[in-house]
Amino acid sequence: MDSPLTRQQLAALVDHTLLKPESTAADIAALVAEGVDLGVYAVCVSPSMVPVAVREAREQDEVRVAAVAGFPSGKHLSAVKAQEAAAAVAAGAVEIDMVIDVGAALTGRFDAVRDDVAAVRAAAKGAVLKVIVESAVLLALGDERALAAACRAAEEAGADFVKTSTGFHPAGGASVRAVEVMAATVGGRLGVKASGGIRTTTDALAMLDAGATRLGLSGTRAVLDGLG
């Protein structure tokens, strides 16, 4: 496939991700090794797997470790999300991908969304904070204002990125329209991570064209191989 990006340039925009609940230490070690081989920006793992990922990454010394918080429902207490994020950072994670309370956003309680993000921001000192807004759920309302408002709340709370999806919600994952709305809302002040259901090179490039600055992929090698 013709692309303005080289394989190396595309890989450098990827969080190579494994968040399946059945993942083992051996799976995480393989994830890190593959991430290094592919030249990805980071690997993203569950909180309990951070020590494994960090140990493997230190041996390779070529990849960052990201962890999730409040994943995948976002219905955890803010204090629990904050503690989870702080523990992941203490274990060596340098990026945190947290999930908002989507129900709060759906009902227009954006102050609660902001406060939730702010709690994690305060706990994850020194880490890059990405805020997952479950864009497919918010767009299912047929009203893009809720998605934009959730992004503004994340920005007000000190987020570094807004992120489309966990990839675990039945409403779906990333979409070009969601990325467009999110990118327009944050206006380059924050990064935009597209994640959830991006399985082909065409999909990945479409997300970047729409304004994504980072991609969350589990099938990274297949996407990169699609560049030819």
C-alpha atoms as a PDB file:
ATOM      1  CA  MET A   1       0.000   0.000   0.000  1.00  0.00           C
ATOM      2  CA  ASP A   2       1.259   3.460  -0.890  1.00  0.00           C
ATOM      3  CA  SER A   3       1.669   5.647   2.179  1.00  0.00           C
ATOM      4  CA  PRO A   4       3.507   8.852   3.077  1.00  0.00           C
ATOM      5  CA  LEU A   5       4.763   6.991   6.158  1.00  0.00           C
ATOM      6  CA  THR A   6       7.485   4.387   6.212  1.00  0.00           C
ATOM      7  CA  ARG A   7       7.054   1.209   8.227  1.00  0.00           C
ATOM      8  CA  GLN A   8       9.394   2.635  10.881  1.00  0.00           C
ATOM      9  CA  GLN A   9       7.491   5.922  11.083  1.00  0.00           C
ATOM     10  CA  LEU A  10       4.142   4.174  11.486  1.00  0.00           C
ATOM     11  CA  ALA A  11       5.497   1.799  14.127  1.00  0.00           C
ATOM     12  CA  ALA A  12       6.761   4.786  16.123  1.00  0.00           C
ATOM     13  CA  LEU A  13       3.149   5.933  16.538  1.00  0.00           C
ATOM     14  CA  VAL A  14       1.901   2.637  17.971  1.00  0.00           C
ATOM     15  CA  ASP A  15       1.092   1.452  21.474  1.00  0.00           C
ATOM     16  CA  HIS A  16       1.422  -2.329  21.014  1.00  0.00           C
ATOM     17  CA  THR A  17      -1.325  -3.624  23.281  1.00  0.00           C
ATOM     18  CA  LEU A  18      -2.279  -6.769  25.181  1.00  0.00           C
ATOM     19  CA  LEU A  19      -5.094  -6.364  27.710  1.00  0.00           C
ATOM     20  CA  LYS A  20      -6.825  -9.734  27.554  1.00  0.00           C
ATOM     21  CA  PRO A  21      -7.692 -10.994  31.038  1.00  0.00           C
ATOM     22  CA  GLU A  22      -6.143 -14.382  30.320  1.00  0.00           C
ATOM     23  CA  SER A  23      -2.739 -12.900  29.491  1.00  0.00           C
ATOM     24  CA  THR A  24       0.211 -14.562  31.218  1.00  0.00           C
ATOM     25  CA  ALA A  25       3.703 -13.363  32.064  1.00  0.00           C
ATOM     26  CA  ALA A  26       4.981 -15.284  29.050  1.00  0.00           C
ATOM     27  CA  ASP A  27       2.456 -13.474  26.834  1.00  0.00           C
ATOM     28  CA  ILE A  28       3.670 -10.100  28.101  1.00  0.00           C
ATOM     29  CA  ALA A  29       7.300 -11.047  27.563  1.00  0.00           C
ATOM     30  CA  ALA A  30       6.423 -11.994  23.992  1.00  0.00           C
ATOM     31  CA  LEU A  31       4.542  -8.705  23.555  1.00  0.00           C
ATOM     32  CA  VAL A  32       7.573  -6.689  24.628  1.00  0.00           C
ATOM     33  CA  ALA A  33       9.923  -8.691  22.420  1.00  0.00           C
ATOM     34  CA  GLU A  34       7.624  -8.218  19.434  1.00  0.00           C
ATOM     35  CA  GLY A  35       7.225  -4.525  20.219  1.00  0.00           C
ATOM     36  CA  VAL A  36      10.979  -4.044  20.231  1.00  0.00           C
ATOM     37  CA  ASP A  37      11.316  -6.010  17.008  1.00  0.00           C
ATOM     38  CA  LEU A  38       8.651  -3.862  15.338  1.00  0.00           C
ATOM     39  CA  GLY A  39       9.994  -0.573  16.704  1.00  0.00           C
ATOM     40  CA  VAL A  40       6.781   0.544  18.425  1.00  0.00           C
ATOM     41  CA  TYR A  41       6.508   3.560  20.692  1.00  0.00           C
ATOM     42  CA  ALA A  42       5.206   1.676  23.734  1.00  0.00           C
ATOM     43  CA  VAL A  43       3.610  -1.509  24.967  1.00  0.00           C
ATOM     44  CA  CYS A  44       0.329  -1.204  26.862  1.00  0.00           C
ATOM     45  CA  VAL A  45      -0.562  -3.791  29.510  1.00  0.00           C
ATOM     46  CA  SER A  46      -2.841  -4.418  32.476  1.00  0.00           C
ATOM     47  CA  PRO A  47      -1.700  -3.002  35.846  1.00  0.00           C
ATOM     48  CA  SER A  48      -0.750  -6.377  37.309  1.00  0.00           C
ATOM     49  CA  MET A  49       1.484  -7.007  34.319  1.00  0.00           C
ATOM     50  CA  VAL A  50       3.498  -3.799  34.587  1.00  0.00           C
ATOM     51  CA  PRO A  51       6.372  -5.364  36.581  1.00  0.00           C
ATOM     52  CA  VAL A  52       6.763  -8.083  33.958  1.00  0.00           C
ATOM     53  CA  ALA A  53       6.652  -5.612  31.079  1.00  0.00           C
ATOM     54  CA  VAL A  54       9.088  -3.247  32.771  1.00  0.00           C
ATOM     55  CA  ARG A  55      11.551  -6.038  33.508  1.00  0.00           C
ATOM     56  CA  GLU A  56      11.434  -7.218  29.902  1.00  0.00           C
ATOM     57  CA  ALA A  57      11.618  -3.663  28.568  1.00  0.00           C
ATOM     58  CA  ARG A  58      14.668  -2.884  30.689  1.00  0.00           C
ATOM     59  CA  GLU A  59      16.444  -5.892  29.259  1.00  0.00           C
ATOM     60  CA  GLN A  60      15.627  -4.642  25.771  1.00  0.00           C
ATOM     61  CA  ASP A  61      15.971  -0.941  26.720  1.00  0.00           C
ATOM     62  CA  GLU A  62      14.056   0.098  23.637  1.00  0.00           C
ATOM     63  CA  VAL A  63      10.368   0.422  24.501  1.00  0.00           C
ATOM     64  CA  ARG A  64       8.192   2.322  26.973  1.00  0.00           C
ATOM     65  CA  VAL A  65       5.559   0.712  29.189  1.00  0.00           C
ATOM     66  CA  ALA A  66       2.002   2.025  29.472  1.00  0.00           C
ATOM     67  CA  ALA A  67      -0.702   0.698  31.789  1.00  0.00           C
ATOM     68  CA  VAL A  68      -4.463   1.090  32.034  1.00  0.00           C
ATOM     69  CA  ALA A  69      -6.501   2.326  35.005  1.00  0.00           C
ATOM     70  CA  GLY A  70     -10.199   1.883  35.683  1.00  0.00           C
ATOM     71  CA  PHE A  71     -10.240  -0.560  32.787  1.00  0.00           C
ATOM     72  CA  PRO A  72     -12.447  -1.434  31.007  1.00  0.00           C
ATOM     73  CA  SER A  73     -15.664  -0.179  32.615  1.00  0.00           C
ATOM     74  CA  GLY A  74     -14.565   3.162  34.064  1.00  0.00           C
ATOM     75  CA  LYS A  75     -17.004   2.600  36.915  1.00  0.00           C
ATOM     76  CA  HIS A  76     -14.319   2.354  39.572  1.00  0.00           C
ATOM     77  CA  LEU A  77     -14.183   4.965  42.297  1.00  0.00           C
ATOM     78  CA  SER A  78     -11.869   7.826  41.374  1.00  0.00           C
ATOM     79  CA  ALA A  79      -9.711   7.014  44.399  1.00  0.00           C
ATOM     80  CA  VAL A  80      -9.315   3.447  43.153  1.00  0.00           C
ATOM     81  CA  LYS A  81      -8.346   4.611  39.652  1.00  0.00           C
ATOM     82  CA  ALA A  82      -5.858   7.015  41.191  1.00  0.00           C
ATOM     83  CA  GLN A  83      -4.328   4.335  43.392  1.00  0.00           C
ATOM     84  CA  GLU A  84      -4.116   1.945  40.458  1.00  0.00           C
ATOM     85  CA  ALA A  85      -2.377   4.581  38.341  1.00  0.00           C
ATOM     86  CA  ALA A  86       0.040   5.501  41.132  1.00  0.00           C
ATOM     87  CA  ALA A  87       0.958   1.849  41.675  1.00  0.00           C
ATOM     88  CA  ALA A  88       1.578   1.363  37.954  1.00  0.00           C
ATOM     89  CA  VAL A  89       3.830   4.423  37.818  1.00  0.00           C
ATOM     90  CA  ALA A  90       5.699   3.253  40.917  1.00  0.00           C
ATOM     91  CA  ALA A  91       6.255  -0.087  39.154  1.00  0.00           C
ATOM     92  CA  GLY A  92       7.756   1.656  36.140  1.00  0.00           C
ATOM     93  CA  ALA A  93       4.912   2.579  33.784  1.00  0.00           C
ATOM     94  CA  VAL A  94       5.514   5.936  32.105  1.00  0.00           C
ATOM     95  CA  GLU A  95       2.059   6.307  30.536  1.00  0.00           C
ATOM     96  CA  ILE A  96      -1.433   5.718  31.960  1.00  0.00           C
ATOM     97  CA  ASP A  97      -4.572   5.105  29.892  1.00  0.00           C
ATOM     98  CA  MET A  98      -7.581   5.689  32.167  1.00  0.00           C
ATOM     99  CA  VAL A  99     -11.277   5.157  31.465  1.00  0.00           C
ATOM    100  CA  ILE A 100     -13.817   7.838  32.348  1.00  0.00           C
ATOM    101  CA  ASP A 101     -17.209   7.158  33.915  1.00  0.00           C
ATOM    102  CA  VAL A 102     -19.054   7.032  30.600  1.00  0.00           C
ATOM    103  CA  GLY A 103     -22.407   7.191  32.333  1.00  0.00           C
ATOM    104  CA  ALA A 104     -21.461  10.550  33.825  1.00  0.00           C
ATOM    105  CA  ALA A 105     -20.686  11.856  30.336  1.00  0.00           C
ATOM    106  CA  LEU A 106     -23.905  10.451  28.917  1.00  0.00           C
ATOM    107  CA  THR A 107     -25.918  12.325  31.524  1.00  0.00           C
ATOM    108  CA  GLY A 108     -24.057  15.604  31.088  1.00  0.00           C
ATOM    109  CA  ARG A 109     -22.112  15.406  34.367  1.00  0.00           C
ATOM    110  CA  PHE A 110     -18.898  16.701  32.882  1.00  0.00           C
ATOM    111  CA  ASP A 111     -17.728  18.218  36.168  1.00  0.00           C
ATOM    112  CA  ALA A 112     -17.668  14.652  37.518  1.00  0.00           C
ATOM    113  CA  VAL A 113     -15.703  13.523  34.456  1.00  0.00           C
ATOM    114  CA  ARG A 114     -13.215  16.339  34.994  1.00  0.00           C
ATOM    115  CA  ASP A 115     -12.828  15.549  38.692  1.00  0.00           C
ATOM    116  CA  ASP A 116     -12.326  11.852  37.952  1.00  0.00           C
ATOM    117  CA  VAL A 117      -9.546  12.630  35.487  1.00  0.00           C
ATOM    118  CA  ALA A 118      -8.010  15.181  37.843  1.00  0.00           C
ATOM    119  CA  ALA A 119      -7.738  12.552  40.586  1.00  0.00           C
ATOM    120  CA  VAL A 120      -5.745  10.267  38.328  1.00  0.00           C
ATOM    121  CA  ARG A 121      -3.687  13.167  36.998  1.00  0.00           C
ATOM    122  CA  ALA A 122      -2.629  14.056  40.540  1.00  0.00           C
ATOM    123  CA  ALA A 123      -1.712  10.451  41.322  1.00  0.00           C
ATOM    124  CA  ALA A 124       0.185   9.693  38.113  1.00  0.00           C
ATOM    125  CA  LYS A 125       2.874  12.302  38.598  1.00  0.00           C
ATOM    126  CA  GLY A 126       5.387  12.438  35.781  1.00  0.00           C
ATOM    127  CA  ALA A 127       3.439  10.041  33.557  1.00  0.00           C
ATOM    128  CA  VAL A 128       1.695  10.774  30.281  1.00  0.00           C
ATOM    129  CA  LEU A 129      -2.063  10.568  30.894  1.00  0.00           C
ATOM    130  CA  LYS A 130      -4.419   9.360  28.173  1.00  0.00           C
ATOM    131  CA  VAL A 131      -8.150   9.572  28.832  1.00  0.00           C
ATOM    132  CA  ILE A 132     -10.435   6.965  27.241  1.00  0.00           C
ATOM    133  CA  VAL A 133     -13.872   8.451  26.518  1.00  0.00           C
ATOM    134  CA  GLU A 134     -15.531   5.459  24.760  1.00  0.00           C
ATOM    135  CA  SER A 135     -16.338   7.582  21.733  1.00  0.00           C
ATOM    136  CA  ALA A 136     -18.576   4.965  20.108  1.00  0.00           C
ATOM    137  CA  VAL A 137     -20.931   5.090  23.096  1.00  0.00           C
ATOM    138  CA  LEU A 138     -21.111   8.870  23.080  1.00  0.00           C
ATOM    139  CA  LEU A 139     -21.588   9.063  19.312  1.00  0.00           C
ATOM    140  CA  ALA A 140     -24.355   6.471  19.503  1.00  0.00           C
ATOM    141  CA  LEU A 141     -26.501   9.266  20.908  1.00  0.00           C
ATOM    142  CA  GLY A 142     -26.292  10.944  17.533  1.00  0.00           C
ATOM    143  CA  ASP A 143     -24.934  14.035  19.260  1.00  0.00           C
ATOM    144  CA  GLU A 144     -21.273  14.888  18.897  1.00  0.00           C
ATOM    145  CA  ARG A 145     -21.454  17.511  21.636  1.00  0.00           C
ATOM    146  CA  ALA A 146     -21.138  14.914  24.394  1.00  0.00           C
ATOM    147  CA  LEU A 147     -17.928  13.581  22.864  1.00  0.00           C
ATOM    148  CA  ALA A 148     -16.491  17.073  22.511  1.00  0.00           C
ATOM    149  CA  ALA A 149     -17.495  17.964  26.074  1.00  0.00           C
ATOM    150  CA  ALA A 150     -15.824  14.840  27.459  1.00  0.00           C
ATOM    151  CA  CYS A 151     -12.629  15.818  25.653  1.00  0.00           C
ATOM    152  CA  ARG A 152     -12.801  19.342  27.062  1.00  0.00           C
ATOM    153  CA  ALA A 153     -13.273  17.952  30.568  1.00  0.00           C
ATOM    154  CA  ALA A 154     -10.193  15.766  30.124  1.00  0.00           C
ATOM    155  CA  GLU A 155      -8.172  18.731  28.923  1.00  0.00           C
ATOM    156  CA  GLU A 156      -9.290  20.887  31.840  1.00  0.00           C
ATOM    157  CA  ALA A 157      -8.165  18.133  34.220  1.00  0.00           C
ATOM    158  CA  GLY A 158      -4.655  18.034  32.794  1.00  0.00           C
ATOM    159  CA  ALA A 159      -4.766  15.090  30.377  1.00  0.00           C
ATOM    160  CA  ASP A 160      -2.054  14.750  27.753  1.00  0.00           C
ATOM    161  CA  PHE A 161      -4.165  12.710  25.319  1.00  0.00           C
ATOM    162  CA  VAL A 162      -7.779  11.862  24.661  1.00  0.00           C
ATOM    163  CA  LYS A 163      -8.357   8.311  23.477  1.00  0.00           C
ATOM    164  CA  THR A 164     -11.301   6.823  21.622  1.00  0.00           C
ATOM    165  CA  SER A 165     -11.973   3.436  23.139  1.00  0.00           C
ATOM    166  CA  THR A 166     -11.097   0.503  25.356  1.00  0.00           C
ATOM    167  CA  GLY A 167     -11.863  -1.933  22.553  1.00  0.00           C
ATOM    168  CA  PHE A 168     -13.969  -3.911  25.023  1.00  0.00           C
ATOM    169  CA  HIS A 169     -17.312  -2.066  24.745  1.00  0.00           C
ATOM    170  CA  PRO A 170     -20.023  -3.616  22.536  1.00  0.00           C
ATOM    171  CA  ALA A 171     -20.769  -0.180  21.050  1.00  0.00           C
ATOM    172  CA  GLY A 172     -17.530  -0.455  19.102  1.00  0.00           C
ATOM    173  CA  GLY A 173     -14.084   1.060  18.870  1.00  0.00           C
ATOM    174  CA  ALA A 174     -12.435   3.905  17.019  1.00  0.00           C
ATOM    175  CA  SER A 175     -14.046   5.609  14.049  1.00  0.00           C
ATOM    176  CA  VAL A 176     -12.829   8.265  11.671  1.00  0.00           C
ATOM    177  CA  ARG A 177     -15.640  10.603  12.711  1.00  0.00           C
ATOM    178  CA  ALA A 178     -14.835  10.225  16.400  1.00  0.00           C
ATOM    179  CA  VAL A 179     -11.180  11.045  15.767  1.00  0.00           C
ATOM    180  CA  GLU A 180     -12.169  14.082  13.696  1.00  0.00           C
ATOM    181  CA  VAL A 181     -14.388  15.426  16.482  1.00  0.00           C
ATOM    182  CA  MET A 182     -11.791  14.768  19.153  1.00  0.00           C
ATOM    183  CA  ALA A 183      -8.929  16.300  17.158  1.00  0.00           C
ATOM    184  CA  ALA A 184     -10.992  19.403  16.381  1.00  0.00           C
ATOM    185  CA  THR A 185     -11.925  19.762  20.051  1.00  0.00           C
ATOM    186  CA  VAL A 186      -8.418  19.571  21.479  1.00  0.00           C
ATOM    187  CA  GLY A 187      -6.955  21.554  18.606  1.00  0.00           C
ATOM    188  CA  GLY A 188      -3.442  20.137  18.778  1.00  0.00           C
ATOM    189  CA  ARG A 189      -3.068  20.982  22.461  1.00  0.00           C
ATOM    190  CA  LEU A 190      -3.486  17.310  23.377  1.00  0.00           C
ATOM    191  CA  GLY A 191      -2.650  14.160  21.523  1.00  0.00           C
ATOM    192  CA  VAL A 192      -5.410  11.962  20.117  1.00  0.00           C
ATOM    193  CA  LYS A 193      -5.106   8.190  20.409  1.00  0.00           C
ATOM    194  CA  ALA A 194      -7.269   6.020  18.184  1.00  0.00           C
ATOM    195  CA  SER A 195      -7.757   2.561  19.617  1.00  0.00           C
ATOM    196  CA  GLY A 196     -10.210  -0.306  19.346  1.00  0.00           C
ATOM    197  CA  GLY A 197     -10.918  -2.373  16.262  1.00  0.00           C
ATOM    198  CA  ILE A 198      -8.100  -0.996  14.095  1.00  0.00           C
ATOM    199  CA  ARG A 199      -6.986  -4.118  12.289  1.00  0.00           C
ATOM    200  CA  THR A 200      -5.896  -3.058   8.816  1.00  0.00           C
ATOM    201  CA  THR A 201      -3.343  -0.680   7.375  1.00  0.00           C
ATOM    202  CA  THR A 202      -6.139   1.212   5.642  1.00  0.00           C
ATOM    203  CA  ASP A 203      -7.947   1.746   8.947  1.00  0.00           C
ATOM    204  CA  ALA A 204      -4.760   2.861  10.700  1.00  0.00           C
ATOM    205  CA  LEU A 205      -3.865   5.397   8.023  1.00  0.00           C
ATOM    206  CA  ALA A 206      -7.449   6.691   7.973  1.00  0.00           C
ATOM    207  CA  MET A 207      -7.262   7.376  11.708  1.00  0.00           C
ATOM    208  CA  LEU A 208      -4.010   9.281  11.262  1.00  0.00           C
ATOM    209  CA  ASP A 209      -5.479  11.279   8.389  1.00  0.00           C
ATOM    210  CA  ALA A 210      -8.430  12.170  10.631  1.00  0.00           C
ATOM    211  CA  GLY A 211      -6.117  13.615  13.272  1.00  0.00           C
ATOM    212  CA  ALA A 212      -4.879  10.749  15.456  1.00  0.00           C
ATOM    213  CA  THR A 213      -1.347  11.169  16.782  1.00  0.00           C
ATOM    214  CA  ARG A 214      -1.078   7.727  18.397  1.00  0.00           C
ATOM    215  CA  LEU A 215      -2.598   4.340  17.606  1.00  0.00           C
ATOM    216  CA  GLY A 216      -3.482   1.521  19.966  1.00  0.00           C
ATOM    217  CA  LEU A 217      -3.078  -1.787  18.136  1.00  0.00           C
ATOM    218  CA  SER A 218      -3.052  -5.422  19.156  1.00  0.00           C
ATOM    219  CA  GLY A 219      -2.382  -6.694  15.623  1.00  0.00           C
ATOM    220  CA  THR A 220       0.505  -4.330  15.000  1.00  0.00           C
ATOM    221  CA  ARG A 221       2.559  -6.611  12.778  1.00  0.00           C
ATOM    222  CA  ALA A 222      -0.313  -7.168  10.339  1.00  0.00           C
ATOM    223  CA  VAL A 223      -0.935  -3.416  10.094  1.00  0.00           C
ATOM    224  CA  LEU A 224       2.735  -2.713   9.419  1.00  0.00           C
ATOM    225  CA  ASP A 225       3.001  -5.581   6.943  1.00  0.00           C
ATOM    226  CA  GLY A 226       0.178  -3.940   4.998  1.00  0.00           C
ATOM    227  CA  LEU A 227       2.514  -1.109   4.031  1.00  0.00           C
ATOM    228  CA  GLY A 228       4.367  -3.567   1.834  1.00  0.00           C
END
